């Protein structure tokens, strides 16, 4: 009888400890979720193209992780930039203005010591089916912060028909704007 009581007592302790751990797990997850900021962007076709996609900006611990998945592209290399305004109302995407360049730097390749716009994300490669993906992690952007030189909210993502040559000023000779998505909460 003592063995059964000991076993029951041990089981009760295990269940009690397990329940307490389960109760604290959501609190931990909630804390992590509260510190992360996320903005999802839907990219729509422009300039008579069929180019669409989705992008996500996730900010956590002072870092932004940017991921974009695009479809409907012609196979090959295409530029992707952040532009000044989250206005995708025009058919050609030009309502977004120029590249986002709050620091007045020359156009260039992301990370170049010669300089680059905050919106000079770079190029992505579309496969034979027209799909492309790009990922970038940086502390040079933020979501909804008070630093106008870093805040991506109110800007737009533009995918271009051509390749960014990283030298032609101020656009990189990237060609027409084939997809647009406003970065808004």
N, C-alpha and C. Protein backbone atom coordinates (compact mmCIF):
# COMPACT_ATOMS: atom_id res chain seq x y z
N UNK A 1 0.82 -1.19 0.00
CA UNK A 1 0.00 0.00 0.00
C UNK A 1 0.87 1.26 0.00
N UNK A 2 1.99 1.21 0.76
CA UNK A 2 2.88 2.36 0.80
C UNK A 2 3.48 2.63 -0.58
N UNK A 3 3.79 1.54 -1.32
CA UNK A 3 4.34 1.69 -2.66
C UNK A 3 3.36 2.40 -3.57
N UNK A 4 2.11 2.04 -3.51
CA UNK A 4 1.08 2.66 -4.36
C UNK A 4 0.95 4.14 -4.00
N UNK A 5 0.92 4.44 -2.71
CA UNK A 5 0.83 5.84 -2.29
C UNK A 5 2.03 6.64 -2.77
N UNK A 6 3.23 6.07 -2.69
CA UNK A 6 4.44 6.75 -3.16
C UNK A 6 4.38 6.98 -4.67
N UNK A 7 3.91 5.97 -5.39
CA UNK A 7 3.79 6.11 -6.84
C UNK A 7 2.78 7.19 -7.19
N UNK A 8 1.64 7.20 -6.51
CA UNK A 8 0.63 8.23 -6.75
C UNK A 8 1.16 9.61 -6.40
N UNK A 9 1.89 9.72 -5.31
CA UNK A 9 2.48 11.00 -4.92
C UNK A 9 3.48 11.47 -5.98
N UNK A 10 4.31 10.56 -6.47
CA UNK A 10 5.30 10.90 -7.50
C UNK A 10 4.59 11.35 -8.78
N UNK A 11 3.56 10.65 -9.19
CA UNK A 11 2.79 11.02 -10.39
C UNK A 11 2.14 12.38 -10.21
N UNK A 12 1.61 12.65 -9.05
CA UNK A 12 0.99 13.94 -8.78
C UNK A 12 2.02 15.06 -8.90
N UNK A 13 3.21 14.84 -8.35
CA UNK A 13 4.27 15.84 -8.46
C UNK A 13 4.68 16.08 -9.92
N UNK A 14 4.83 15.01 -10.68
CA UNK A 14 5.21 15.12 -12.09
C UNK A 14 4.14 15.89 -12.87
N UNK A 15 2.89 15.56 -12.63
CA UNK A 15 1.80 16.25 -13.33
C UNK A 15 1.75 17.71 -12.93
N UNK A 16 1.93 18.01 -11.65
CA UNK A 16 1.91 19.39 -11.17
C UNK A 16 3.03 20.20 -11.80
N UNK A 17 4.24 19.66 -11.81
CA UNK A 17 5.38 20.36 -12.41
C UNK A 17 5.16 20.54 -13.90
N UNK A 18 4.64 19.51 -14.59
CA UNK A 18 4.37 19.60 -16.03
C UNK A 18 3.35 20.69 -16.32
N UNK A 19 2.31 20.76 -15.54
CA UNK A 19 1.28 21.77 -15.75
C UNK A 19 1.84 23.16 -15.55
N UNK A 20 2.70 23.33 -14.55
CA UNK A 20 3.30 24.65 -14.32
C UNK A 20 4.17 25.04 -15.49
N UNK A 21 4.91 24.10 -16.06
CA UNK A 21 5.75 24.42 -17.22
C UNK A 21 4.89 24.80 -18.41
N UNK A 22 3.79 24.08 -18.62
CA UNK A 22 2.91 24.39 -19.74
C UNK A 22 2.31 25.79 -19.60
N UNK A 23 2.00 26.17 -18.34
CA UNK A 23 1.42 27.49 -18.12
C UNK A 23 2.41 28.61 -18.40
N UNK A 24 3.68 28.36 -18.18
CA UNK A 24 4.67 29.43 -18.40
C UNK A 24 5.12 29.51 -19.86
N UNK A 25 4.97 28.44 -20.62
CA UNK A 25 5.41 28.45 -22.02
C UNK A 25 4.73 29.55 -22.85
N UNK A 26 3.39 29.69 -22.77
CA UNK A 26 2.76 30.76 -23.55
C UNK A 26 3.27 32.15 -23.16
N UNK A 27 3.57 32.36 -21.89
CA UNK A 27 4.10 33.66 -21.47
C UNK A 27 5.42 33.96 -22.17
N UNK A 28 6.29 32.95 -22.25
CA UNK A 28 7.58 33.13 -22.92
C UNK A 28 7.35 33.43 -24.40
N UNK A 29 6.48 32.66 -25.06
CA UNK A 29 6.19 32.89 -26.47
C UNK A 29 5.61 34.29 -26.67
N UNK A 30 4.74 34.70 -25.80
CA UNK A 30 4.12 36.02 -25.90
C UNK A 30 5.19 37.11 -25.79
N UNK A 31 6.13 36.94 -24.89
CA UNK A 31 7.18 37.93 -24.72
C UNK A 31 8.01 38.05 -25.99
N UNK A 32 8.37 36.95 -26.61
CA UNK A 32 9.14 36.98 -27.86
C UNK A 32 8.31 37.64 -28.96
N UNK A 33 7.04 37.27 -29.06
CA UNK A 33 6.17 37.84 -30.10
C UNK A 33 5.99 39.34 -29.91
N UNK A 34 5.93 39.78 -28.67
CA UNK A 34 5.75 41.20 -28.41
C UNK A 34 6.98 42.02 -28.81
N UNK A 35 8.16 41.43 -28.74
CA UNK A 35 9.37 42.18 -29.08
C UNK A 35 9.62 42.20 -30.58
N UNK A 36 9.04 41.29 -31.33
CA UNK A 36 9.24 41.24 -32.79
C UNK A 36 8.15 42.07 -33.48
N UNK A 37 8.56 42.81 -34.52
CA UNK A 37 7.63 43.57 -35.35
C UNK A 37 7.65 42.93 -36.73
N UNK A 38 6.50 42.90 -37.38
CA UNK A 38 6.43 42.28 -38.70
C UNK A 38 5.50 43.07 -39.60
N UNK A 39 5.93 43.25 -40.85
CA UNK A 39 5.09 43.88 -41.87
C UNK A 39 5.11 42.98 -43.10
N UNK A 40 3.92 42.62 -43.57
CA UNK A 40 3.78 41.82 -44.78
C UNK A 40 3.38 42.75 -45.92
N UNK A 41 4.00 42.53 -47.08
CA UNK A 41 3.75 43.38 -48.24
C UNK A 41 3.30 42.50 -49.40
N UNK A 42 2.18 42.86 -50.01
CA UNK A 42 1.70 42.16 -51.20
C UNK A 42 2.15 42.98 -52.41
N UNK A 43 2.83 42.32 -53.34
CA UNK A 43 3.31 42.97 -54.55
C UNK A 43 2.33 42.72 -55.69
N UNK A 44 1.94 43.81 -56.36
CA UNK A 44 0.99 43.71 -57.46
C UNK A 44 1.67 44.04 -58.79
N UNK A 45 1.10 43.53 -59.85
CA UNK A 45 1.64 43.74 -61.20
C UNK A 45 1.57 45.20 -61.62
N UNK A 46 2.58 45.65 -62.36
CA UNK A 46 2.64 47.00 -62.93
C UNK A 46 3.16 46.92 -64.36
N UNK A 47 2.96 47.97 -65.12
CA UNK A 47 3.47 48.12 -66.49
C UNK A 47 3.04 46.98 -67.40
N UNK A 48 1.82 46.46 -67.21
CA UNK A 48 1.30 45.40 -68.06
C UNK A 48 1.93 44.03 -67.82
N UNK A 49 2.65 43.87 -66.73
CA UNK A 49 3.30 42.58 -66.44
C UNK A 49 2.35 41.66 -65.68
N UNK A 50 2.83 40.46 -65.41
CA UNK A 50 2.11 39.49 -64.56
C UNK A 50 2.91 39.23 -63.29
N UNK A 51 3.78 40.15 -62.92
CA UNK A 51 4.68 39.94 -61.79
C UNK A 51 3.98 40.29 -60.48
N UNK A 52 3.92 39.30 -59.59
CA UNK A 52 3.32 39.47 -58.27
C UNK A 52 4.24 38.84 -57.24
N UNK A 53 3.89 39.01 -56.00
CA UNK A 53 4.70 38.38 -54.95
C UNK A 53 4.33 38.85 -53.57
N UNK A 54 5.14 38.42 -52.63
CA UNK A 54 4.97 38.78 -51.23
C UNK A 54 6.33 39.05 -50.63
N UNK A 55 6.35 39.99 -49.71
CA UNK A 55 7.58 40.29 -48.98
C UNK A 55 7.24 40.43 -47.51
N UNK A 56 8.22 40.16 -46.67
CA UNK A 56 8.03 40.28 -45.23
C UNK A 56 9.25 40.97 -44.63
N UNK A 57 8.98 41.96 -43.79
CA UNK A 57 10.01 42.60 -42.98
C UNK A 57 9.73 42.17 -41.54
N UNK A 58 10.71 41.57 -40.89
CA UNK A 58 10.58 41.18 -39.49
C UNK A 58 11.71 41.82 -38.71
N UNK A 59 11.36 42.57 -37.68
CA UNK A 59 12.36 43.23 -36.85
C UNK A 59 12.40 42.58 -35.48
N UNK A 60 13.59 42.20 -35.07
CA UNK A 60 13.77 41.64 -33.74
C UNK A 60 15.19 41.94 -33.28
N UNK A 61 15.30 42.44 -32.07
CA UNK A 61 16.60 42.77 -31.47
C UNK A 61 17.43 43.70 -32.34
N UNK A 62 16.78 44.71 -32.93
CA UNK A 62 17.49 45.71 -33.71
C UNK A 62 17.92 45.27 -35.09
N UNK A 63 17.47 44.10 -35.53
CA UNK A 63 17.80 43.59 -36.86
C UNK A 63 16.52 43.39 -37.66
N UNK A 64 16.59 43.71 -38.94
CA UNK A 64 15.49 43.44 -39.87
C UNK A 64 15.88 42.26 -40.74
N UNK A 65 14.97 41.31 -40.84
CA UNK A 65 15.12 40.23 -41.81
C UNK A 65 14.09 40.51 -42.89
N UNK A 66 14.57 40.64 -44.12
CA UNK A 66 13.71 40.91 -45.27
C UNK A 66 13.72 39.69 -46.18
N UNK A 67 12.54 39.22 -46.55
CA UNK A 67 12.40 38.10 -47.48
C UNK A 67 11.34 38.47 -48.50
N UNK A 68 11.64 38.24 -49.79
CA UNK A 68 10.66 38.48 -50.85
C UNK A 68 10.62 37.27 -51.77
N UNK A 69 9.41 36.88 -52.15
CA UNK A 69 9.20 35.79 -53.10
C UNK A 69 8.35 36.37 -54.23
N UNK A 70 8.90 36.29 -55.45
CA UNK A 70 8.29 36.91 -56.61
C UNK A 70 7.98 35.84 -57.65
N UNK A 71 6.89 36.03 -58.40
CA UNK A 71 6.57 35.11 -59.51
C UNK A 71 6.11 35.94 -60.71
N UNK A 72 6.13 35.31 -61.88
CA UNK A 72 5.69 35.98 -63.11
C UNK A 72 6.80 36.74 -63.82
N UNK A 73 8.02 36.60 -63.36
CA UNK A 73 9.15 37.30 -63.99
C UNK A 73 9.64 36.55 -65.23
N UNK A 74 10.30 37.28 -66.12
CA UNK A 74 11.04 36.63 -67.20
C UNK A 74 12.29 36.03 -66.56
N UNK A 75 12.74 34.89 -67.08
CA UNK A 75 13.94 34.26 -66.54
C UNK A 75 15.12 35.24 -66.63
N UNK A 76 15.92 35.29 -65.57
CA UNK A 76 17.10 36.15 -65.57
C UNK A 76 17.17 37.03 -64.34
N UNK A 77 17.97 38.08 -64.44
CA UNK A 77 18.27 38.96 -63.31
C UNK A 77 17.38 40.20 -63.32
N UNK A 78 16.84 40.53 -62.15
CA UNK A 78 15.93 41.67 -62.00
C UNK A 78 16.31 42.45 -60.73
N UNK A 79 16.23 43.77 -60.83
CA UNK A 79 16.51 44.62 -59.67
C UNK A 79 15.31 44.68 -58.75
N UNK A 80 15.60 44.85 -57.47
CA UNK A 80 14.56 45.08 -56.46
C UNK A 80 15.06 46.20 -55.56
N UNK A 81 14.21 47.20 -55.36
CA UNK A 81 14.57 48.38 -54.58
C UNK A 81 13.43 48.77 -53.65
N UNK A 82 13.78 49.59 -52.65
CA UNK A 82 12.77 50.27 -51.85
C UNK A 82 12.70 51.69 -52.39
N UNK A 83 11.48 52.15 -52.69
CA UNK A 83 11.26 53.49 -53.21
C UNK A 83 10.63 54.39 -52.15
N UNK A 84 10.60 55.68 -52.42
CA UNK A 84 10.27 56.72 -51.44
C UNK A 84 8.87 56.68 -50.84
N UNK A 85 7.85 56.30 -51.63
CA UNK A 85 6.47 56.41 -51.17
C UNK A 85 5.71 55.11 -51.36
N UNK A 86 4.83 54.81 -50.42
CA UNK A 86 4.02 53.60 -50.46
C UNK A 86 2.79 53.78 -51.36
N UNK A 87 2.96 54.48 -52.47
CA UNK A 87 1.86 54.78 -53.39
C UNK A 87 2.04 53.99 -54.68
N UNK A 88 1.31 52.90 -54.80
CA UNK A 88 1.38 52.05 -55.99
C UNK A 88 0.21 52.30 -56.93
N UNK A 89 -0.38 53.49 -56.89
CA UNK A 89 -1.61 53.77 -57.63
C UNK A 89 -1.41 53.90 -59.14
N UNK A 90 -0.24 54.29 -59.61
CA UNK A 90 -0.06 54.46 -61.06
C UNK A 90 0.20 53.12 -61.74
N UNK A 91 -0.24 53.01 -63.00
CA UNK A 91 -0.07 51.77 -63.75
C UNK A 91 1.39 51.39 -63.96
N UNK A 92 2.27 52.38 -63.97
CA UNK A 92 3.70 52.10 -64.22
C UNK A 92 4.54 52.07 -62.94
N UNK A 93 3.91 52.24 -61.78
CA UNK A 93 4.62 52.19 -60.51
C UNK A 93 5.42 53.44 -60.18
N UNK A 94 5.37 54.45 -61.04
CA UNK A 94 6.18 55.65 -60.81
C UNK A 94 5.63 56.55 -59.70
N UNK A 95 4.42 56.25 -59.24
CA UNK A 95 3.86 57.03 -58.13
C UNK A 95 4.62 56.80 -56.82
N UNK A 96 5.53 55.84 -56.80
CA UNK A 96 6.33 55.56 -55.61
C UNK A 96 7.53 56.50 -55.49
N UNK A 97 7.80 57.30 -56.54
CA UNK A 97 8.95 58.18 -56.52
C UNK A 97 10.24 57.41 -56.81
N UNK A 98 11.35 58.04 -56.47
CA UNK A 98 12.66 57.43 -56.72
C UNK A 98 13.07 56.46 -55.61
N UNK A 99 14.29 55.99 -55.71
CA UNK A 99 14.82 55.11 -54.68
C UNK A 99 14.81 55.83 -53.33
N UNK A 100 14.55 55.08 -52.28
CA UNK A 100 14.61 55.63 -50.93
C UNK A 100 16.07 55.91 -50.61
N UNK A 101 16.39 57.18 -50.41
CA UNK A 101 17.77 57.62 -50.24
C UNK A 101 17.84 58.75 -49.20
N UNK A 102 17.50 58.46 -47.95
CA UNK A 102 17.44 59.52 -46.95
C UNK A 102 18.79 60.15 -46.61
N UNK A 103 19.88 59.49 -46.92
CA UNK A 103 21.20 60.01 -46.56
C UNK A 103 21.88 60.74 -47.71
N UNK A 104 21.25 60.78 -48.90
CA UNK A 104 21.83 61.47 -50.05
C UNK A 104 23.06 60.78 -50.63
N UNK A 105 23.17 59.49 -50.43
CA UNK A 105 24.31 58.72 -50.95
C UNK A 105 24.14 58.45 -52.44
N UNK A 106 25.24 58.14 -53.15
CA UNK A 106 25.10 57.76 -54.56
C UNK A 106 24.48 56.37 -54.66
N UNK A 107 23.86 56.09 -55.81
CA UNK A 107 23.32 54.75 -56.05
C UNK A 107 24.48 53.75 -56.11
N UNK A 108 24.27 52.57 -55.60
CA UNK A 108 25.33 51.57 -55.63
C UNK A 108 24.86 50.22 -55.14
N UNK A 109 25.79 49.32 -54.97
CA UNK A 109 25.49 47.97 -54.50
C UNK A 109 25.44 47.96 -52.97
N UNK A 110 24.43 47.29 -52.44
CA UNK A 110 24.23 47.21 -50.99
C UNK A 110 25.54 46.82 -50.30
N UNK A 111 25.92 47.62 -49.31
CA UNK A 111 27.12 47.34 -48.53
C UNK A 111 28.41 47.88 -49.11
N UNK A 112 28.36 48.50 -50.29
CA UNK A 112 29.56 49.00 -50.95
C UNK A 112 30.16 50.18 -50.18
N UNK A 113 31.48 50.20 -50.08
CA UNK A 113 32.15 51.32 -49.41
C UNK A 113 32.03 52.60 -50.22
N UNK A 114 31.71 52.49 -51.51
CA UNK A 114 31.52 53.67 -52.37
C UNK A 114 30.18 54.35 -52.11
N UNK A 115 29.29 53.69 -51.39
CA UNK A 115 27.99 54.24 -51.04
C UNK A 115 26.85 53.55 -51.76
N UNK A 116 25.67 53.71 -51.19
CA UNK A 116 24.45 53.12 -51.74
C UNK A 116 23.26 53.74 -51.04
N UNK A 117 22.12 53.70 -51.73
CA UNK A 117 20.86 54.17 -51.14
C UNK A 117 20.40 53.14 -50.11
N UNK A 118 19.63 53.58 -49.12
CA UNK A 118 19.03 52.64 -48.16
C UNK A 118 18.06 51.70 -48.87
N UNK A 119 17.59 52.10 -50.06
CA UNK A 119 16.67 51.28 -50.82
C UNK A 119 17.32 50.43 -51.90
N UNK A 120 18.64 50.46 -52.00
CA UNK A 120 19.36 49.68 -53.02
C UNK A 120 19.52 48.23 -52.58
N UNK A 121 18.44 47.47 -52.61
CA UNK A 121 18.51 46.07 -52.16
C UNK A 121 19.41 45.25 -53.08
N UNK A 122 19.27 45.43 -54.40
CA UNK A 122 20.12 44.69 -55.33
C UNK A 122 19.35 43.97 -56.40
N UNK A 123 19.84 42.79 -56.78
CA UNK A 123 19.24 41.98 -57.84
C UNK A 123 18.79 40.64 -57.29
N UNK A 124 17.85 40.05 -58.00
CA UNK A 124 17.43 38.68 -57.71
C UNK A 124 17.37 37.91 -59.02
N UNK A 125 17.48 36.61 -58.94
CA UNK A 125 17.50 35.74 -60.12
C UNK A 125 16.20 34.98 -60.27
N UNK A 126 15.54 35.15 -61.42
CA UNK A 126 14.31 34.40 -61.70
C UNK A 126 14.66 33.13 -62.46
N UNK A 127 14.08 32.03 -62.03
CA UNK A 127 14.32 30.75 -62.70
C UNK A 127 13.47 30.64 -63.97
N UNK A 128 13.53 29.49 -64.62
CA UNK A 128 12.81 29.27 -65.88
C UNK A 128 11.30 29.40 -65.72
N UNK A 129 10.79 29.18 -64.50
CA UNK A 129 9.35 29.31 -64.24
C UNK A 129 8.98 30.73 -63.82
N UNK A 130 9.95 31.63 -63.73
CA UNK A 130 9.67 33.02 -63.37
C UNK A 130 9.63 33.30 -61.88
N UNK A 131 10.14 32.36 -61.08
CA UNK A 131 10.14 32.52 -59.62
C UNK A 131 11.50 33.03 -59.15
N UNK A 132 11.47 33.92 -58.17
CA UNK A 132 12.70 34.44 -57.58
C UNK A 132 12.48 34.69 -56.10
N UNK A 133 13.57 34.61 -55.35
CA UNK A 133 13.52 34.86 -53.91
C UNK A 133 14.77 35.61 -53.50
N UNK A 134 14.62 36.48 -52.52
CA UNK A 134 15.77 37.21 -51.97
C UNK A 134 15.59 37.32 -50.47
N UNK A 135 16.70 37.23 -49.75
CA UNK A 135 16.71 37.41 -48.30
C UNK A 135 17.84 38.36 -47.95
N UNK A 136 17.59 39.20 -46.96
CA UNK A 136 18.58 40.18 -46.52
C UNK A 136 18.37 40.40 -45.03
N UNK A 137 19.46 40.54 -44.29
CA UNK A 137 19.37 40.86 -42.87
C UNK A 137 20.22 42.10 -42.64
N UNK A 138 19.65 43.10 -41.93
CA UNK A 138 20.36 44.36 -41.74
C UNK A 138 19.92 45.07 -40.47
N UNK A 139 20.80 45.91 -39.96
CA UNK A 139 20.44 46.81 -38.87
C UNK A 139 20.28 48.24 -39.40
N UNK A 140 20.28 48.40 -40.73
CA UNK A 140 20.15 49.73 -41.35
C UNK A 140 18.70 50.13 -41.59
N UNK A 141 17.76 49.26 -41.28
CA UNK A 141 16.34 49.55 -41.40
C UNK A 141 15.67 49.31 -40.06
N UNK A 142 14.47 49.85 -39.90
CA UNK A 142 13.63 49.56 -38.73
C UNK A 142 12.17 49.66 -39.18
N UNK A 143 11.28 49.19 -38.34
CA UNK A 143 9.85 49.23 -38.63
C UNK A 143 9.18 50.17 -37.63
N UNK A 144 8.73 51.32 -38.12
CA UNK A 144 7.98 52.24 -37.28
C UNK A 144 8.81 52.91 -36.19
N UNK A 145 10.09 53.07 -36.40
CA UNK A 145 10.92 53.75 -35.40
C UNK A 145 10.92 55.26 -35.67
N UNK A 146 11.54 56.01 -34.80
CA UNK A 146 11.55 57.46 -34.96
C UNK A 146 12.69 57.96 -35.86
N UNK A 147 13.52 57.07 -36.35
CA UNK A 147 14.66 57.46 -37.20
C UNK A 147 14.24 57.45 -38.67
N UNK A 148 14.00 58.63 -39.26
CA UNK A 148 13.53 58.71 -40.65
C UNK A 148 14.56 58.16 -41.64
N UNK A 149 15.81 58.05 -41.23
CA UNK A 149 16.84 57.49 -42.10
C UNK A 149 16.83 55.97 -42.12
N UNK A 150 16.01 55.35 -41.25
CA UNK A 150 15.98 53.89 -41.15
C UNK A 150 14.59 53.28 -41.32
N UNK A 151 13.54 54.06 -41.08
CA UNK A 151 12.19 53.52 -41.03
C UNK A 151 11.66 53.17 -42.43
N UNK A 152 11.33 51.89 -42.66
CA UNK A 152 10.83 51.44 -43.96
C UNK A 152 9.34 51.68 -44.14
N UNK A 153 8.61 51.97 -43.06
CA UNK A 153 7.17 52.21 -43.20
C UNK A 153 6.92 53.45 -44.05
N UNK A 154 5.92 53.35 -44.91
CA UNK A 154 5.57 54.46 -45.79
C UNK A 154 6.36 54.45 -47.10
N UNK A 155 7.16 53.42 -47.31
CA UNK A 155 7.95 53.27 -48.54
C UNK A 155 7.29 52.18 -49.39
N UNK A 156 7.90 51.84 -50.53
CA UNK A 156 7.37 50.79 -51.40
C UNK A 156 8.49 49.90 -51.90
N UNK A 157 8.16 48.66 -52.15
CA UNK A 157 9.08 47.73 -52.81
C UNK A 157 8.75 47.77 -54.30
N UNK A 158 9.77 47.92 -55.12
CA UNK A 158 9.60 47.88 -56.57
C UNK A 158 10.50 46.78 -57.13
N UNK A 159 9.92 45.95 -57.99
CA UNK A 159 10.70 44.98 -58.76
C UNK A 159 10.78 45.54 -60.18
N UNK A 160 11.98 45.55 -60.74
CA UNK A 160 12.22 46.13 -62.05
C UNK A 160 12.34 45.06 -63.13
N UNK A 161 12.10 45.46 -64.37
CA UNK A 161 12.19 44.55 -65.52
C UNK A 161 13.63 44.13 -65.80
N UNK A 162 14.58 45.01 -65.50
CA UNK A 162 15.97 44.74 -65.83
C UNK A 162 16.87 44.57 -64.62
N UNK A 163 18.15 44.53 -64.90
CA UNK A 163 19.20 44.32 -63.91
C UNK A 163 19.73 45.66 -63.42
N UNK A 164 20.02 45.75 -62.13
CA UNK A 164 20.69 46.92 -61.57
C UNK A 164 22.18 46.79 -61.86
N UNK A 165 22.74 47.79 -62.57
CA UNK A 165 24.18 47.74 -62.88
C UNK A 165 25.03 48.33 -61.76
N UNK A 166 24.40 48.85 -60.72
CA UNK A 166 25.04 49.40 -59.52
C UNK A 166 25.89 50.64 -59.76
N UNK A 167 25.90 51.18 -60.98
CA UNK A 167 26.72 52.36 -61.25
C UNK A 167 25.94 53.52 -61.85
N UNK A 168 24.98 53.26 -62.74
CA UNK A 168 24.23 54.34 -63.38
C UNK A 168 23.45 55.11 -62.31
N UNK A 169 23.59 56.43 -62.33
CA UNK A 169 22.94 57.29 -61.32
C UNK A 169 21.65 57.88 -61.88
N UNK A 170 20.61 57.94 -61.10
CA UNK A 170 20.49 57.47 -59.72
C UNK A 170 19.75 56.13 -59.62
N UNK A 171 19.58 55.41 -60.74
CA UNK A 171 18.68 54.25 -60.74
C UNK A 171 19.32 52.89 -60.96
N UNK A 172 20.55 52.85 -61.44
CA UNK A 172 21.15 51.56 -61.77
C UNK A 172 20.68 51.03 -63.10
N UNK A 173 20.00 51.86 -63.91
CA UNK A 173 19.49 51.46 -65.23
C UNK A 173 18.72 50.15 -65.17
N UNK A 174 17.86 50.05 -64.18
CA UNK A 174 17.14 48.79 -63.91
C UNK A 174 15.89 48.59 -64.76
N UNK A 175 15.50 49.55 -65.53
CA UNK A 175 14.35 49.37 -66.42
C UNK A 175 13.02 49.65 -65.74
N UNK A 176 11.95 49.30 -66.43
CA UNK A 176 10.59 49.57 -65.97
C UNK A 176 10.26 48.89 -64.66
N UNK A 177 9.21 49.39 -64.05
CA UNK A 177 8.75 48.87 -62.77
C UNK A 177 7.64 47.86 -63.04
N UNK A 178 7.90 46.59 -62.75
CA UNK A 178 6.96 45.52 -63.11
C UNK A 178 6.12 45.03 -61.93
N UNK A 179 6.48 45.43 -60.71
CA UNK A 179 5.69 45.03 -59.55
C UNK A 179 5.92 46.03 -58.43
N UNK A 180 4.86 46.24 -57.63
CA UNK A 180 4.91 47.27 -56.58
C UNK A 180 4.12 46.81 -55.34
N UNK A 181 4.65 47.14 -54.18
CA UNK A 181 3.94 46.88 -52.93
C UNK A 181 4.28 47.92 -51.89
N UNK A 182 3.26 48.56 -51.31
CA UNK A 182 3.47 49.55 -50.28
C UNK A 182 3.79 48.90 -48.94
N UNK A 183 4.76 49.48 -48.24
CA UNK A 183 5.17 48.97 -46.93
C UNK A 183 4.39 49.75 -45.87
N UNK A 184 3.25 49.21 -45.49
CA UNK A 184 2.37 49.87 -44.54
C UNK A 184 1.90 48.85 -43.50
N UNK A 185 1.56 49.34 -42.34
CA UNK A 185 1.05 48.46 -41.28
C UNK A 185 -0.43 48.31 -41.41
